[in-house]
Protein backbone atom coordinates (compact mmCIF):
# COMPACT_ATOMS: atom_id res chain seq x y z
CA MET A 1 123.05 107.82 67.08
CA LYS A 2 121.75 108.61 70.55
CA LYS A 3 118.99 111.20 70.58
CA LYS A 4 119.95 114.31 72.54
CA ILE A 5 117.25 115.48 74.89
CA ILE A 6 116.84 119.14 75.70
CA ILE A 7 115.26 119.37 79.12
CA PRO A 8 112.50 121.82 79.94
CA PHE A 9 113.92 122.07 83.45
CA LEU A 10 112.61 125.54 84.24
CA ALA A 11 109.42 124.01 85.65
CA GLY A 12 111.52 122.07 88.15
CA VAL A 13 113.38 125.25 89.07
CA VAL A 14 110.13 127.09 89.67
CA LEU A 15 108.83 124.13 91.71
CA LEU A 16 111.87 123.92 93.96
CA THR A 17 112.21 127.67 94.24
CA THR A 18 108.59 128.02 95.35
CA VAL A 19 109.02 125.37 98.02
CA GLY A 20 112.28 126.93 99.16
CA PHE A 21 110.95 130.46 99.40
CA THR A 22 108.05 129.43 101.63
CA THR A 23 110.37 128.18 104.35
CA ALA A 24 113.60 130.09 103.89
CA VAL A 25 114.58 133.34 105.48
CA LYS A 26 116.22 136.00 103.33
CA SER A 27 119.72 134.99 104.39
CA ASP A 28 119.17 131.61 102.68
CA PHE A 29 118.42 133.14 99.29
CA PHE A 30 121.90 132.88 97.84
CA GLU A 31 122.39 129.30 99.03
CA ILE A 32 119.07 128.21 97.53
CA ALA A 33 119.83 129.90 94.21
CA LYS A 34 123.30 128.37 94.15
CA GLN A 35 122.08 124.82 94.77
CA LEU A 36 119.31 125.15 92.19
CA GLU A 37 121.80 126.33 89.60
CA ILE A 38 124.09 123.36 90.32
CA PHE A 39 121.17 120.96 90.04
CA THR A 40 119.81 122.33 86.76
CA THR A 41 123.21 122.42 85.04
CA LEU A 42 123.95 118.86 86.19
CA TYR A 43 120.52 117.71 85.00
CA LYS A 44 121.05 119.32 81.59
CA GLU A 45 124.55 117.92 81.07
CA LEU A 46 123.52 114.45 82.17
CA ASN A 47 120.70 114.31 79.63
CA MET A 48 122.85 115.79 76.87
CA ASN A 49 125.89 113.57 77.34
CA TYR A 50 125.07 110.28 79.08
CA VAL A 51 126.20 107.20 77.15
CA ASP A 52 122.70 105.68 76.94
CA GLU A 53 119.43 107.36 76.17
CA VAL A 54 117.74 108.53 79.35
CA THR A 55 114.20 109.66 80.02
CA PRO A 56 113.89 113.14 81.53
CA ALA A 57 110.73 112.27 83.48
CA THR A 58 112.33 109.18 85.01
CA LEU A 59 115.43 111.12 86.00
CA MET A 60 113.33 113.83 87.59
CA ASP A 61 111.18 111.30 89.46
CA ASN A 62 114.34 109.69 90.84
CA ALA A 63 115.79 113.08 91.74
CA ILE A 64 112.63 114.04 93.62
CA LYS A 65 112.61 110.70 95.45
CA GLY A 66 116.22 111.35 96.45
CA VAL A 67 115.33 114.80 97.81
CA LEU A 68 112.51 113.32 99.91
CA ALA A 69 114.25 110.07 100.94
CA ASP A 70 115.71 111.37 104.21
CA LEU A 71 112.46 112.96 105.33
CA ASP A 72 109.47 111.12 106.79
CA PRO A 73 107.74 108.53 104.53
CA TYR A 74 104.54 110.57 104.39
CA THR A 75 106.13 113.45 102.48
CA VAL A 76 105.81 112.22 98.91
CA TYR A 77 105.57 113.41 95.32
CA TRP A 78 102.33 112.67 93.48
CA ASN A 79 102.26 112.52 89.70
CA GLU A 80 98.98 113.21 87.91
CA GLN A 81 97.70 109.66 88.39
CA ALA A 82 98.58 109.65 92.09
CA VAL A 83 96.70 112.94 92.50
CA GLU A 84 93.63 111.39 90.91
CA ASP A 85 93.97 108.28 93.08
CA ALA A 86 94.06 110.46 96.21
CA ARG A 87 90.97 112.35 95.07
CA ILE A 88 89.10 109.08 94.52
CA LYS A 89 90.25 107.73 97.89
CA ASN A 90 88.90 110.77 99.71
CA SER A 91 85.65 110.92 97.76
CA GLY A 92 84.74 107.30 98.44
CA VAL A 93 83.43 106.80 94.88
CA TYR A 94 85.24 105.71 91.74
CA THR A 95 84.68 103.88 88.45
CA GLY A 96 86.33 100.51 88.04
CA ILE A 97 85.89 96.79 88.64
CA GLY A 98 85.37 96.96 92.42
CA ALA A 99 88.14 94.98 94.08
CA THR A 100 91.15 95.35 96.31
CA ILE A 101 94.16 94.37 94.20
CA ARG A 102 97.84 93.83 95.01
CA ASN A 103 100.44 94.73 92.39
CA ALA A 104 102.82 91.76 92.55
CA GLY A 105 105.08 93.01 89.73
CA ASP A 106 104.48 90.29 87.16
CA LYS A 107 100.78 89.96 87.98
CA LEU A 108 97.87 91.62 89.74
CA VAL A 109 96.47 89.56 92.61
CA ILE A 110 92.82 89.92 93.59
CA ILE A 111 92.79 90.40 97.37
CA GLU A 112 89.08 90.99 97.79
CA PRO A 113 86.30 91.39 95.22
CA PHE A 114 83.59 93.69 96.62
CA LYS A 115 80.23 92.00 96.95
CA ASP A 116 77.84 92.68 94.03
CA TYR A 117 80.31 94.92 92.18
CA PRO A 118 81.65 94.23 88.64
CA ALA A 119 84.60 91.95 89.56
CA ASP A 120 82.39 89.87 91.85
CA LYS A 121 79.52 89.66 89.34
CA ALA A 122 81.93 88.60 86.60
CA GLY A 123 83.27 85.80 88.80
CA LEU A 124 86.71 86.94 89.96
CA LYS A 125 87.79 85.47 93.29
CA ALA A 126 90.37 86.35 95.93
CA GLY A 127 93.65 84.74 94.92
CA ASP A 128 93.10 85.08 91.17
CA GLU A 129 96.27 86.31 89.45
CA ILE A 130 95.63 88.67 86.53
CA ILE A 131 98.41 88.28 83.97
CA LYS A 132 96.94 90.24 81.06
CA VAL A 133 94.49 93.14 80.69
CA GLY A 134 93.13 93.32 77.16
CA ASN A 135 96.16 92.64 74.96
CA THR A 136 98.65 94.04 77.47
CA ASN A 137 100.77 91.76 79.62
CA VAL A 138 101.05 92.88 83.23
CA ASP A 139 104.61 91.58 83.46
CA GLY A 140 106.90 94.17 81.91
CA TYR A 141 104.28 96.93 81.74
CA GLU A 142 106.23 100.11 82.51
CA GLU A 143 103.37 102.13 84.01
CA ASP A 144 101.15 101.09 86.91
CA PRO A 145 99.23 98.06 85.59
CA LEU A 146 96.33 98.86 87.91
CA ASP A 147 95.57 101.77 85.58
CA LEU A 148 94.70 99.26 82.86
CA LEU A 149 91.62 98.22 84.82
CA LYS A 150 90.29 101.76 85.09
CA GLY A 151 87.91 103.29 82.59
CA ASN A 152 84.54 104.91 82.06
CA GLN A 153 81.38 103.43 83.49
CA GLY A 154 79.78 100.92 81.16
CA THR A 155 82.97 100.11 79.27
CA SER A 156 84.29 96.56 79.27
CA VAL A 157 87.73 95.13 79.93
CA GLU A 158 88.96 91.61 79.27
CA VAL A 159 91.22 90.07 81.91
CA THR A 160 93.29 86.92 81.58
CA PHE A 161 94.06 85.31 84.91
CA ASN A 162 95.46 82.22 86.58
CA ARG A 163 93.36 80.34 89.12
CA GLN A 164 94.75 77.24 90.78
CA GLY A 165 97.10 76.58 87.88
CA LYS A 166 94.53 77.13 85.11
CA THR A 167 94.42 80.16 82.78
CA GLN A 168 90.99 81.72 82.23
CA LYS A 169 89.47 84.84 80.67
CA LEU A 170 86.62 87.10 81.75
CA ASN A 171 84.97 90.24 80.42
CA ILE A 172 84.17 92.75 83.13
CA GLU A 173 81.89 95.75 82.64
CA ARG A 174 83.22 98.65 84.68
CA GLY A 175 80.83 100.42 87.02
CA SER A 176 80.56 103.00 89.77
CA VAL A 177 82.06 101.71 93.01
CA ALA A 178 81.17 103.17 96.40
CA VAL A 179 83.82 102.67 99.08
CA ASN A 180 81.90 102.79 102.35
CA ALA A 181 83.62 104.29 105.37
CA VAL A 182 81.22 102.23 107.50
CA PRO A 183 81.08 98.80 105.84
CA TYR A 184 79.11 97.19 108.68
CA TYR A 185 77.00 97.99 111.73
CA LYS A 186 74.71 95.82 113.82
CA LEU A 187 72.79 95.64 117.09
CA ILE A 188 74.28 92.89 119.26
CA ASN A 189 73.08 91.50 122.61
CA ASN A 190 69.83 93.46 122.15
CA ASP A 191 71.20 96.78 123.45
CA ILE A 192 74.78 97.26 122.16
CA GLY A 193 75.44 98.97 118.85
CA TYR A 194 78.50 97.89 116.92
CA ILE A 195 79.96 100.12 114.17
CA VAL A 196 82.97 99.32 111.99
CA LEU A 197 84.69 102.51 110.83
CA SER A 198 87.28 101.48 108.24
CA LYS A 199 88.48 104.79 106.75
CA PHE A 200 88.20 108.57 107.01
CA ASN A 201 86.93 109.90 103.68
CA ASN A 202 84.32 112.50 102.75
CA LYS A 203 81.49 110.12 103.70
CA THR A 204 82.78 109.09 107.13
CA THR A 205 80.78 111.38 109.40
CA ILE A 206 77.45 111.06 107.63
CA GLU A 207 77.73 107.25 107.42
CA THR A 208 78.76 106.94 111.08
CA GLN A 209 75.99 109.27 112.24
CA ASN A 210 73.40 107.38 110.19
CA ALA A 211 74.59 104.09 111.66
CA LEU A 212 74.50 105.51 115.21
CA GLU A 213 71.01 106.92 114.87
CA ASN A 214 69.72 103.75 113.23
CA LEU A 215 71.16 101.59 116.01
CA LYS A 216 69.60 103.81 118.66
CA LEU A 217 66.22 103.40 116.97
CA GLN A 218 66.75 99.63 117.15
CA GLY A 219 67.34 99.91 120.90
CA ALA A 220 71.07 100.48 121.31
CA LYS A 221 71.89 101.92 124.72
CA LYS A 222 75.66 101.30 124.50
CA LEU A 223 78.11 101.49 121.61
CA ILE A 224 81.29 99.88 120.25
CA LEU A 225 83.23 101.86 117.63
CA ASP A 226 85.71 99.59 115.86
CA LEU A 227 88.77 101.43 114.49
CA ARG A 228 91.02 98.38 114.21
CA GLY A 229 92.98 98.43 110.98
CA ASN A 230 91.78 101.94 110.09
CA PRO A 231 94.80 103.73 108.55
CA GLY A 232 93.33 107.21 108.88
CA GLY A 233 92.47 109.87 106.33
CA LEU A 234 90.87 113.31 106.52
CA LEU A 235 91.54 115.31 109.69
CA ASN A 236 88.23 117.21 109.62
CA GLU A 237 86.32 113.92 109.52
CA ALA A 238 88.15 112.73 112.63
CA ILE A 239 87.13 115.92 114.46
CA ASN A 240 83.53 115.44 113.33
CA ILE A 241 83.43 111.82 114.55
CA VAL A 242 84.50 112.88 118.04
CA ASN A 243 81.90 115.66 117.81
CA LEU A 244 79.16 113.01 117.60
CA PHE A 245 79.88 112.17 121.24
CA VAL A 246 81.17 115.37 122.88
CA PRO A 247 79.73 118.88 123.19
CA LYS A 248 80.34 121.77 120.83
CA GLY A 249 83.47 123.81 121.58
CA GLU A 250 85.72 121.02 122.88
CA VAL A 251 89.37 121.03 121.74
CA ILE A 252 90.06 117.74 119.94
CA THR A 253 93.53 118.35 118.58
CA THR A 254 96.10 121.09 118.09
CA THR A 255 98.74 121.18 115.38
CA GLU A 256 102.19 122.71 115.80
CA SER A 257 104.76 123.59 113.15
CA VAL A 258 107.71 125.88 112.47
CA ILE A 259 105.35 127.51 109.93
CA GLU A 260 103.11 129.84 111.92
CA LYS A 261 100.02 129.43 109.72
CA TYR A 262 99.92 125.69 110.44
CA ASN A 263 99.63 126.19 114.20
CA LYS A 264 95.94 125.56 114.71
CA VAL A 265 93.44 124.48 117.34
CA TYR A 266 90.66 122.18 116.14
CA LYS A 267 87.44 122.26 118.15
CA THR A 268 84.08 120.59 117.76
CA THR A 269 81.73 122.94 115.92
CA LYS A 270 78.34 121.19 115.98
CA GLU A 271 75.80 119.94 118.45
CA PRO A 272 76.54 116.29 119.35
CA VAL A 273 74.27 113.31 118.71
CA ASP A 274 74.75 111.66 122.11
CA THR A 275 77.06 112.72 124.96
CA GLU A 276 75.84 110.07 127.40
CA ILE A 277 75.82 106.71 125.62
CA PRO A 278 78.53 104.42 127.11
CA LEU A 279 81.22 104.04 124.46
CA VAL A 280 84.11 101.62 123.81
CA VAL A 281 86.61 102.22 120.99
CA LEU A 282 88.63 99.30 119.60
CA VAL A 283 92.16 99.97 118.27
CA ASN A 284 95.20 97.92 117.31
CA GLY A 285 98.65 98.39 115.80
CA ARG A 286 97.15 99.19 112.40
CA SER A 287 94.94 102.00 113.71
CA ALA A 288 96.73 105.17 112.64
CA SER A 289 96.54 108.92 112.12
CA ALA A 290 92.89 110.04 112.12
CA SER A 291 92.00 106.88 114.06
CA GLU A 292 94.41 107.99 116.75
CA ILE A 293 92.95 111.50 116.80
CA VAL A 294 89.52 109.97 117.47
CA SER A 295 90.64 107.40 120.05
CA GLY A 296 93.09 109.81 121.71
CA GLY A 297 90.55 112.62 121.83
CA LEU A 298 87.82 110.44 123.32
CA GLN A 299 90.30 109.01 125.83
CA ASP A 300 91.62 112.42 126.90
CA LEU A 301 88.08 113.74 127.34
CA ASP A 302 87.16 110.66 129.41
CA ARG A 303 84.38 109.96 126.93
CA ALA A 304 85.27 106.38 125.95
CA VAL A 305 87.09 103.30 127.18
CA ILE A 306 89.80 102.27 124.71
CA VAL A 307 90.24 98.50 124.24
CA GLY A 308 92.77 96.49 122.20
CA ALA A 309 96.45 97.08 121.51
CA ARG A 310 98.65 100.16 121.27
CA SER A 311 97.89 102.03 118.05
CA PHE A 312 100.38 102.66 115.24
CA GLY A 313 101.76 106.01 116.41
CA LYS A 314 101.43 108.46 113.51
CA GLY A 315 101.34 111.96 114.94
CA LEU A 316 102.17 113.85 111.75
CA VAL A 317 99.81 115.91 109.58
CA GLN A 318 100.15 116.13 105.78
CA ARG A 319 98.70 118.55 103.28
CA PRO A 320 98.80 118.31 99.46
CA LYS A 321 100.43 121.28 97.73
CA LYS A 322 99.75 121.89 94.05
CA LEU A 323 102.75 121.88 91.74
CA THR A 324 102.93 122.35 87.97
CA TYR A 325 101.38 120.09 85.30
CA GLY A 326 98.78 118.60 87.63
CA THR A 327 101.28 117.15 90.11
CA GLN A 328 101.33 117.65 93.86
CA LEU A 329 103.61 117.42 96.86
CA LYS A 330 102.01 115.79 99.90
CA VAL A 331 104.12 117.35 102.61
CA THR A 332 104.23 116.91 106.38
CA ILE A 333 103.34 120.35 107.72
CA SER A 334 102.91 119.79 111.45
CA ARG A 335 102.62 117.44 114.41
CA TYR A 336 99.26 116.99 116.07
CA TYR A 337 98.57 116.79 119.79
CA THR A 338 95.63 115.29 121.67
CA PRO A 339 93.53 117.41 124.06
CA SER A 340 95.83 116.56 127.01
CA GLY A 341 98.89 117.69 125.03
CA ARG A 342 100.19 114.28 123.92
CA CYS A 343 102.04 113.73 120.67
CA ILE A 344 101.71 110.06 119.81
CA GLN A 345 104.34 109.91 117.04
CA ALA A 346 106.25 106.63 117.47
CA LEU A 347 109.18 107.09 115.07
CA ASP A 348 111.56 110.04 115.08
CA TYR A 349 112.48 110.53 111.42
CA TRP A 350 114.74 113.46 112.26
CA ASN A 351 117.03 111.36 114.45
CA ARG A 352 118.30 108.10 112.98
CA ASP A 353 120.49 105.22 114.17
CA GLU A 354 123.75 104.02 112.64
CA ASN A 355 121.81 102.13 109.95
CA GLY A 356 119.85 105.20 108.94
CA ASP A 357 116.61 103.93 110.45
CA PRO A 358 114.39 106.33 112.41
CA VAL A 359 114.68 106.08 116.18
CA ARG A 360 111.65 104.63 117.97
CA VAL A 361 110.41 106.49 121.02
CA ASP A 362 111.67 104.69 124.12
CA SER A 363 108.77 103.44 126.23
CA LYS A 364 110.81 104.29 129.33
CA GLU A 365 110.82 107.93 128.32
CA TYR A 366 107.08 108.41 127.78
CA ASN A 367 105.82 111.63 129.35
CA ALA A 368 102.76 111.60 131.59
CA PHE A 369 99.71 113.76 130.88
CA LYS A 370 96.32 114.16 132.51
CA THR A 371 92.92 113.61 130.95
CA LYS A 372 90.06 116.03 131.54
CA GLY A 373 89.04 114.00 134.59
CA GLY A 374 92.57 113.63 135.96
CA ARG A 375 93.53 110.16 134.69
CA THR A 376 97.17 109.61 133.71
CA VAL A 377 97.93 108.94 130.04
CA TYR A 378 101.21 108.86 128.13
CA ASP A 379 102.58 110.27 124.88
CA GLY A 380 104.72 108.62 122.20
CA GLY A 381 104.30 105.29 120.45
CA GLY A 382 100.57 105.50 119.76
CA ILE A 383 97.45 105.44 121.91
CA LEU A 384 97.77 102.98 124.80
CA PRO A 385 94.37 101.32 125.47
CA ASP A 386 92.72 101.44 128.89
CA ILE A 387 92.27 97.67 128.53
CA GLU A 388 95.13 95.94 126.71
CA LEU A 389 94.50 92.56 125.08
CA GLU A 390 97.23 90.25 123.86
CA THR A 391 94.90 88.95 121.14
CA ALA A 392 94.95 92.38 119.50
CA VAL A 393 98.76 92.48 119.21
CA PHE A 394 100.55 91.31 116.08
CA SER A 395 103.71 89.45 117.07
CA PRO A 396 106.81 89.57 114.81
CA ILE A 397 106.12 86.06 113.51
CA THR A 398 102.53 86.98 112.62
CA THR A 399 103.67 90.16 110.91
CA ALA A 400 106.15 88.12 108.88
CA LEU A 401 103.41 85.68 107.83
CA LEU A 402 101.24 88.57 106.68
CA LYS A 403 104.06 90.23 104.74
CA ASP A 404 104.87 86.93 103.05
CA ASN A 405 101.16 86.51 102.13
CA ALA A 406 101.30 83.05 103.72
CA ILE A 407 97.96 83.46 105.48
CA PHE A 408 96.33 84.81 102.32
CA ASP A 409 97.73 81.99 100.16
CA TYR A 410 96.66 79.28 102.59
CA ALA A 411 93.13 80.71 102.72
CA THR A 412 93.02 80.48 98.92
CA GLU A 413 94.08 76.83 99.06
CA PHE A 414 91.54 76.11 101.83
CA TYR A 415 88.71 77.70 99.82
CA TYR A 416 89.23 75.47 96.80
CA LYS A 417 89.49 72.33 98.94
CA ASN A 418 86.38 72.95 101.06
CA ASN A 419 82.98 73.51 99.50
CA SER A 420 81.28 75.22 102.42
CA ILE A 421 81.61 76.34 106.05
CA ASP A 422 79.20 77.78 108.61
CA PRO A 423 79.61 81.57 108.95
CA ILE A 424 78.94 81.64 112.69
CA THR A 425 80.31 78.40 114.11
CA PHE A 426 83.34 77.98 111.83
CA GLU A 427 86.54 77.32 113.76
CA PHE A 428 90.04 76.84 112.40
CA THR A 429 90.95 73.60 114.15
CA ASP A 430 94.29 72.42 115.54
CA ALA A 431 94.35 69.74 112.85
CA GLU A 432 93.99 72.41 110.19
CA PHE A 433 96.73 74.46 111.88
CA ASN A 434 99.09 71.51 111.53
CA LYS A 435 98.26 71.48 107.80
CA PHE A 436 99.12 75.17 107.72
CA LEU A 437 102.53 74.45 109.30
CA ALA A 438 103.17 71.82 106.63
CA PHE A 439 102.11 74.37 104.00
CA LEU A 440 104.69 76.83 105.31
CA LYS A 441 107.46 74.25 104.97
CA GLN A 442 106.35 73.39 101.45
CA LYS A 443 106.19 77.08 100.56
CA GLY A 444 109.67 77.62 102.02
CA PHE A 445 108.50 80.34 104.40
CA LYS A 446 111.38 82.10 106.13
CA TYR A 447 111.72 85.26 108.12
CA GLU A 448 114.68 86.97 109.69
CA THR A 449 114.51 88.24 113.24
CA ASP A 450 116.28 91.36 114.46
CA THR A 451 118.41 89.05 116.61
CA GLU A 452 119.63 87.16 113.55
CA LYS A 453 120.42 90.41 111.77
CA LYS A 454 122.52 91.56 114.72
CA PHE A 455 124.42 88.26 114.91
CA GLU A 456 125.06 88.27 111.16
CA GLU A 457 126.42 91.79 111.48
CA ALA A 458 128.63 90.61 114.36
CA LEU A 459 129.95 87.76 112.23
CA ARG A 460 130.87 90.20 109.47
CA ASN A 461 132.68 92.31 112.04
CA ALA A 462 134.44 89.16 113.26
CA GLU A 463 135.71 88.59 109.74
CA ASP A 464 137.12 92.12 109.70
CA ASP A 465 138.74 91.40 113.07
CA ASP A 466 140.18 88.15 111.70
CA ILE A 467 138.47 85.97 114.33
CA LYS A 468 135.65 84.52 112.18
CA ASN A 469 137.10 80.99 112.08
CA GLU A 470 137.39 80.88 115.87
CA ILE A 471 133.74 81.73 116.48
CA ASN A 472 132.12 80.19 113.38
CA GLY A 473 131.12 76.96 115.16
CA ALA A 474 129.46 78.80 118.02
CA TYR A 475 127.72 81.06 115.53
CA ASN A 476 126.24 78.12 113.59
CA THR A 477 125.05 76.51 116.83
CA LEU A 478 123.45 79.74 117.94
CA MET A 479 121.68 80.26 114.59
CA ALA A 480 120.34 76.70 114.73
CA GLN A 481 118.93 77.42 118.18
CA ILE A 482 117.32 80.60 116.90
CA SER A 483 115.77 78.65 114.01
CA ALA A 484 114.30 76.15 116.47
CA ALA A 485 113.00 78.98 118.63
CA LYS A 486 111.27 80.51 115.60
CA GLU A 487 109.48 77.24 114.90
CA GLN A 488 108.36 77.14 118.52
CA LYS A 489 107.05 80.72 118.15
CA LEU A 490 104.73 79.56 115.38
CA VAL A 491 103.15 77.12 117.81
CA LYS A 492 103.23 79.55 120.73
CA LYS A 493 101.32 82.15 118.66
CA LYS A 494 98.86 79.54 117.40
CA ALA A 495 95.75 81.31 118.73
CA GLU A 496 96.78 84.59 117.12
CA ILE A 497 97.59 82.96 113.77
CA LYS A 498 94.45 80.80 113.79
CA SER A 499 92.33 83.90 114.31
CA LEU A 500 93.83 85.61 111.26
CA LEU A 501 93.44 82.47 109.17
CA SER A 502 89.79 82.21 110.22
CA ASP A 503 89.16 85.83 109.26
CA GLU A 504 90.75 85.43 105.82
CA ILE A 505 88.88 82.18 105.12
CA LEU A 506 85.51 83.61 106.19
CA LYS A 507 85.92 86.51 103.73
CA ARG A 508 86.35 84.00 100.89
CA TYR A 509 82.92 82.50 101.51
CA PHE A 510 80.87 85.33 102.98
CA TYR A 511 82.66 88.60 102.12
CA LYS A 512 83.38 91.23 104.79
CA GLU A 513 79.79 91.09 106.05
CA GLY A 514 80.12 87.41 106.92
CA LEU A 515 83.44 88.06 108.64
CA TYR A 516 81.86 90.71 110.86
CA ASP A 517 78.87 88.46 111.59
CA HIS A 518 81.36 85.87 112.87
CA GLN A 519 83.43 88.37 114.83
CA VAL A 520 80.57 89.90 116.83
CA VAL A 521 80.00 86.42 118.28
CA ASN A 522 83.58 85.15 118.56
CA ASN A 523 86.20 87.93 118.45
CA PRO A 524 88.04 88.40 121.79
CA GLU A 525 88.32 92.20 121.50
CA ILE A 526 84.62 92.62 120.74
CA LEU A 527 83.72 90.26 123.58
CA ALA A 528 85.95 92.28 125.94
CA ALA A 529 84.20 95.48 124.80
CA VAL A 530 80.80 93.91 125.46
CA GLU A 531 81.98 92.79 128.90
CA VAL A 532 83.08 96.25 130.01
CA LEU A 533 79.91 97.87 128.64
CA ASN A 534 77.82 95.40 130.63
CA ASP A 535 79.77 96.14 133.82
CA ASP A 536 78.81 99.67 134.85
CA ARG A 537 81.15 99.68 137.85
CA LYS A 538 84.16 98.68 135.76
CA TYR A 539 83.31 101.14 132.99
CA ASN A 540 82.92 104.05 135.41
CA ARG A 541 85.97 103.03 137.42
CA ILE A 542 88.16 103.24 134.30
CA LEU A 543 86.84 106.64 133.25
CA LYS A 544 86.37 108.27 136.65
């Protein structure tokens, strides 16, 4: 007999009521109460009467996801584990095995073992596929299998993994893992400091300031701040990073919301470290949120030259709100604006197309703003660099290769076929690129362009219009031409793809440090930053 489940749904009512009351005016009270009553009675009857046994927590999780689905993707529900993960992410310190890991459903794939941390010391390598943790199979585990690797410092965990077709086992002793916001900095060309800033956590400002001061002691008279691939993080840390280079009292960002208390002006509050050192900031399409506050603020204040590709375009601010039983709602509370008044949000989640996708800001409709010195800059769609470089842009074909993990998988294969490479002079050759193309065919790599999607939709419409047979031949010819064009794109974007393959391969041999050692000598964006810093006239012409 099916077990009847009596739902303690009052907590959900309190949760939803609290959220509703904070934003609703009094005239909405009856409507809110009515909808809550409908929901709770439906929830109760469903659990009491459904033909199969259902889990209240799962139903509630799905219900919450449904409530949030039509909002922006940054407004999310955090269960207790997600709350703890967020705390760890912001603190920059956690206890575990020390590796970046991808949950692939039936296995956990090691993306990057951190140098000299437990996973690395035990012998795990990028590309290893963990299939069992202790006596628990990853495949079919109902909770997040990444949790199986967590535990107290000093405790051990046995992992069973596949490497190049062979199953192996390792015991790993968990330890304290420090996630550095600044994983690398170095003096290059005798007088240029180079700092990689990879995330905005509680350690970001102190690590960046320490790196800056150390580089100046070594003789740095110019600086490159690399924010490429930085997804953002804590807002206050972004303000403090800008504060290192601009005077106290400067407006860095303002936030605006329908909720009055979230309308705020954020200014620098401390004395700067250096307001004169020539500065270049590197960004690309994966530089988002706090990275855009830093790059946009420095650009608007005419304090830095921005080099690279247009940034991601996330102009929304979130704040975690405590709910019951240790859960939280991370909710978008406001939009942020750069000092000139720009909002750089690229996607409009409140206006969607016929497919339900958010509308992208039209580049033809960007509004012009003025920097502190009178330069023209534009809103929408991210931060547009002062110097744009094609090498910093990810084309659709490259994005597809990354999503398919084709570049990662080929780097794994390369690593086990080549004993050693030189960290500085290594180059991914044309001959090796041809091997990569053959690898893609063997792997069955495919990707669908927006053009193909549109034509497929048109063919479906043609079937409804009863003209499919008449146009089917032309359609097949056209799709064959598109397929050929996609193959040509792989070759056309060879330089871009080779660069990413080189980066992934270098990490296998020399970790992130070796990758950065290679990039400061060979990377086109870094070389462009060095060039503009060494050309005073060009640097000043851009800013003034």
